[in-house]
């Protein structure tokens, strides 16, 4: 799938996520659906295309857990990676 960077491919996981309205940021965000192995309150950094879907839309996408120095952990999915709308 063309994942760049220095990560081991085994670190990437395909999960189902949903678009939600993030009150704290006043715009749509993306989070894992329940039962995906991640807390449902962890945010996913992903393409604007996904965030522009209507609230409640579910997508399958590859993610990797990461964090930036001094920030909370989050999931990352490159805007270059494919995703699939499942609902």
C-alpha atoms as a PDB file:
ATOM      1  CA  UNK A   1       0.000   0.000   0.000  1.00  0.00           C
ATOM      2  CA  UNK A   2       2.993   2.278  -0.124  1.00  0.00           C
ATOM      3  CA  UNK A   3       3.372   3.242   3.524  1.00  0.00           C
ATOM      4  CA  UNK A   4       6.482   5.378   3.728  1.00  0.00           C
ATOM      5  CA  UNK A   5       8.691   6.107   6.687  1.00  0.00           C
ATOM      6  CA  UNK A   6      10.789   4.005   9.002  1.00  0.00           C
ATOM      7  CA  UNK A   7       8.076   1.877  10.631  1.00  0.00           C
ATOM      8  CA  UNK A   8       7.844  -1.880  10.539  1.00  0.00           C
ATOM      9  CA  UNK A   9       4.831  -2.912   8.417  1.00  0.00           C
ATOM     10  CA  UNK A  10       3.578  -5.044  11.325  1.00  0.00           C
ATOM     11  CA  UNK A  11       2.832  -1.797  13.228  1.00  0.00           C
ATOM     12  CA  UNK A  12       0.025  -0.864  10.807  1.00  0.00           C
ATOM     13  CA  UNK A  13      -3.488  -2.057  11.589  1.00  0.00           C
ATOM     14  CA  UNK A  14      -6.653  -1.924   9.531  1.00  0.00           C
ATOM     15  CA  UNK A  15      -9.537  -0.657  11.664  1.00  0.00           C
ATOM     16  CA  UNK A  16     -13.062   0.674  11.313  1.00  0.00           C
ATOM     17  CA  UNK A  17     -13.386   4.299  12.339  1.00  0.00           C
ATOM     18  CA  UNK A  18     -16.176   6.865  12.383  1.00  0.00           C
ATOM     19  CA  UNK A  19     -16.505  10.540  11.589  1.00  0.00           C
ATOM     20  CA  UNK A  20     -17.732  12.584  14.563  1.00  0.00           C
ATOM     21  CA  UNK A  21     -18.151  16.258  15.425  1.00  0.00           C
ATOM     22  CA  UNK A  22     -15.243  17.228  17.665  1.00  0.00           C
ATOM     23  CA  UNK A  23     -16.668  19.902  19.972  1.00  0.00           C
ATOM     24  CA  UNK A  24     -13.226  20.914  21.274  1.00  0.00           C
ATOM     25  CA  UNK A  25     -11.969  21.645  17.727  1.00  0.00           C
ATOM     26  CA  UNK A  26     -15.332  22.787  16.301  1.00  0.00           C
ATOM     27  CA  UNK A  27     -14.971  20.564  13.258  1.00  0.00           C
ATOM     28  CA  UNK A  28     -15.259  16.937  12.221  1.00  0.00           C
ATOM     29  CA  UNK A  29     -12.756  14.438  13.524  1.00  0.00           C
ATOM     30  CA  UNK A  30     -12.227  10.692  13.167  1.00  0.00           C
ATOM     31  CA  UNK A  31     -12.040   8.112  15.964  1.00  0.00           C
ATOM     32  CA  UNK A  32     -11.942   4.307  16.204  1.00  0.00           C
ATOM     33  CA  UNK A  33     -15.244   2.469  16.480  1.00  0.00           C
ATOM     34  CA  UNK A  34     -15.725   0.315  19.598  1.00  0.00           C
ATOM     35  CA  UNK A  35     -14.000  -3.061  19.505  1.00  0.00           C
ATOM     36  CA  UNK A  36     -11.056  -2.003  17.322  1.00  0.00           C
ATOM     37  CA  UNK A  37      -8.373  -2.413  19.998  1.00  0.00           C
ATOM     38  CA  UNK A  38      -7.996   1.313  20.675  1.00  0.00           C
ATOM     39  CA  UNK A  39      -9.880   3.632  23.036  1.00  0.00           C
ATOM     40  CA  UNK A  40     -12.781   5.359  21.278  1.00  0.00           C
ATOM     41  CA  UNK A  41     -11.570   8.736  22.529  1.00  0.00           C
ATOM     42  CA  UNK A  42      -8.204   8.570  20.738  1.00  0.00           C
ATOM     43  CA  UNK A  43      -8.173  10.753  17.625  1.00  0.00           C
ATOM     44  CA  UNK A  44      -7.052   9.739  14.154  1.00  0.00           C
ATOM     45  CA  UNK A  45      -5.012  12.142  12.051  1.00  0.00           C
ATOM     46  CA  UNK A  46      -6.107  11.424   8.488  1.00  0.00           C
ATOM     47  CA  UNK A  47      -7.082  12.968   5.162  1.00  0.00           C
ATOM     48  CA  UNK A  48      -9.458  15.907   4.911  1.00  0.00           C
ATOM     49  CA  UNK A  49     -11.457  13.806   2.455  1.00  0.00           C
ATOM     50  CA  UNK A  50     -12.410  11.439   5.300  1.00  0.00           C
ATOM     51  CA  UNK A  51     -13.159  14.274   7.749  1.00  0.00           C
ATOM     52  CA  UNK A  52     -15.455  15.842   5.134  1.00  0.00           C
ATOM     53  CA  UNK A  53     -17.774  12.814   5.121  1.00  0.00           C
ATOM     54  CA  UNK A  54     -21.046  13.266   7.044  1.00  0.00           C
ATOM     55  CA  UNK A  55     -20.942  12.658  10.809  1.00  0.00           C
ATOM     56  CA  UNK A  56     -21.563   8.971  11.483  1.00  0.00           C
ATOM     57  CA  UNK A  57     -19.862   7.723   8.304  1.00  0.00           C
ATOM     58  CA  UNK A  58     -17.743   4.628   8.961  1.00  0.00           C
ATOM     59  CA  UNK A  59     -14.528   3.911   7.073  1.00  0.00           C
ATOM     60  CA  UNK A  60     -11.919   1.135   7.011  1.00  0.00           C
ATOM     61  CA  UNK A  61      -8.395   2.500   7.008  1.00  0.00           C
ATOM     62  CA  UNK A  62      -4.839   1.626   8.021  1.00  0.00           C
ATOM     63  CA  UNK A  63      -3.515   3.341  11.134  1.00  0.00           C
ATOM     64  CA  UNK A  64      -0.384   3.356  13.228  1.00  0.00           C
ATOM     65  CA  UNK A  65      -0.197   4.531  16.844  1.00  0.00           C
ATOM     66  CA  UNK A  66       2.153   7.443  17.334  1.00  0.00           C
ATOM     67  CA  UNK A  67       2.765  10.553  19.376  1.00  0.00           C
ATOM     68  CA  UNK A  68       4.631  13.781  19.026  1.00  0.00           C
ATOM     69  CA  UNK A  69       6.905  14.933  21.804  1.00  0.00           C
ATOM     70  CA  UNK A  70       4.767  16.445  24.521  1.00  0.00           C
ATOM     71  CA  UNK A  71       1.419  15.407  23.039  1.00  0.00           C
ATOM     72  CA  UNK A  72      -1.095  12.667  23.716  1.00  0.00           C
ATOM     73  CA  UNK A  73      -0.842   9.475  21.665  1.00  0.00           C
ATOM     74  CA  UNK A  74      -2.939   9.447  18.507  1.00  0.00           C
ATOM     75  CA  UNK A  75      -3.492   7.275  15.462  1.00  0.00           C
ATOM     76  CA  UNK A  76      -2.072   8.305  12.110  1.00  0.00           C
ATOM     77  CA  UNK A  77      -3.302   7.433   8.631  1.00  0.00           C
ATOM     78  CA  UNK A  78      -1.640   9.208   5.705  1.00  0.00           C
ATOM     79  CA  UNK A  79      -3.806  11.145   3.276  1.00  0.00           C
ATOM     80  CA  UNK A  80      -2.051   9.104   0.560  1.00  0.00           C
ATOM     81  CA  UNK A  81      -3.365   5.786   1.889  1.00  0.00           C
ATOM     82  CA  UNK A  82      -6.552   4.270   0.539  1.00  0.00           C
ATOM     83  CA  UNK A  83      -9.662   3.971   2.660  1.00  0.00           C
ATOM     84  CA  UNK A  84     -13.050   2.363   2.167  1.00  0.00           C
ATOM     85  CA  UNK A  85     -16.453   3.720   3.232  1.00  0.00           C
ATOM     86  CA  UNK A  86     -18.302   0.870   4.956  1.00  0.00           C
ATOM     87  CA  UNK A  87     -21.550   2.624   5.986  1.00  0.00           C
END
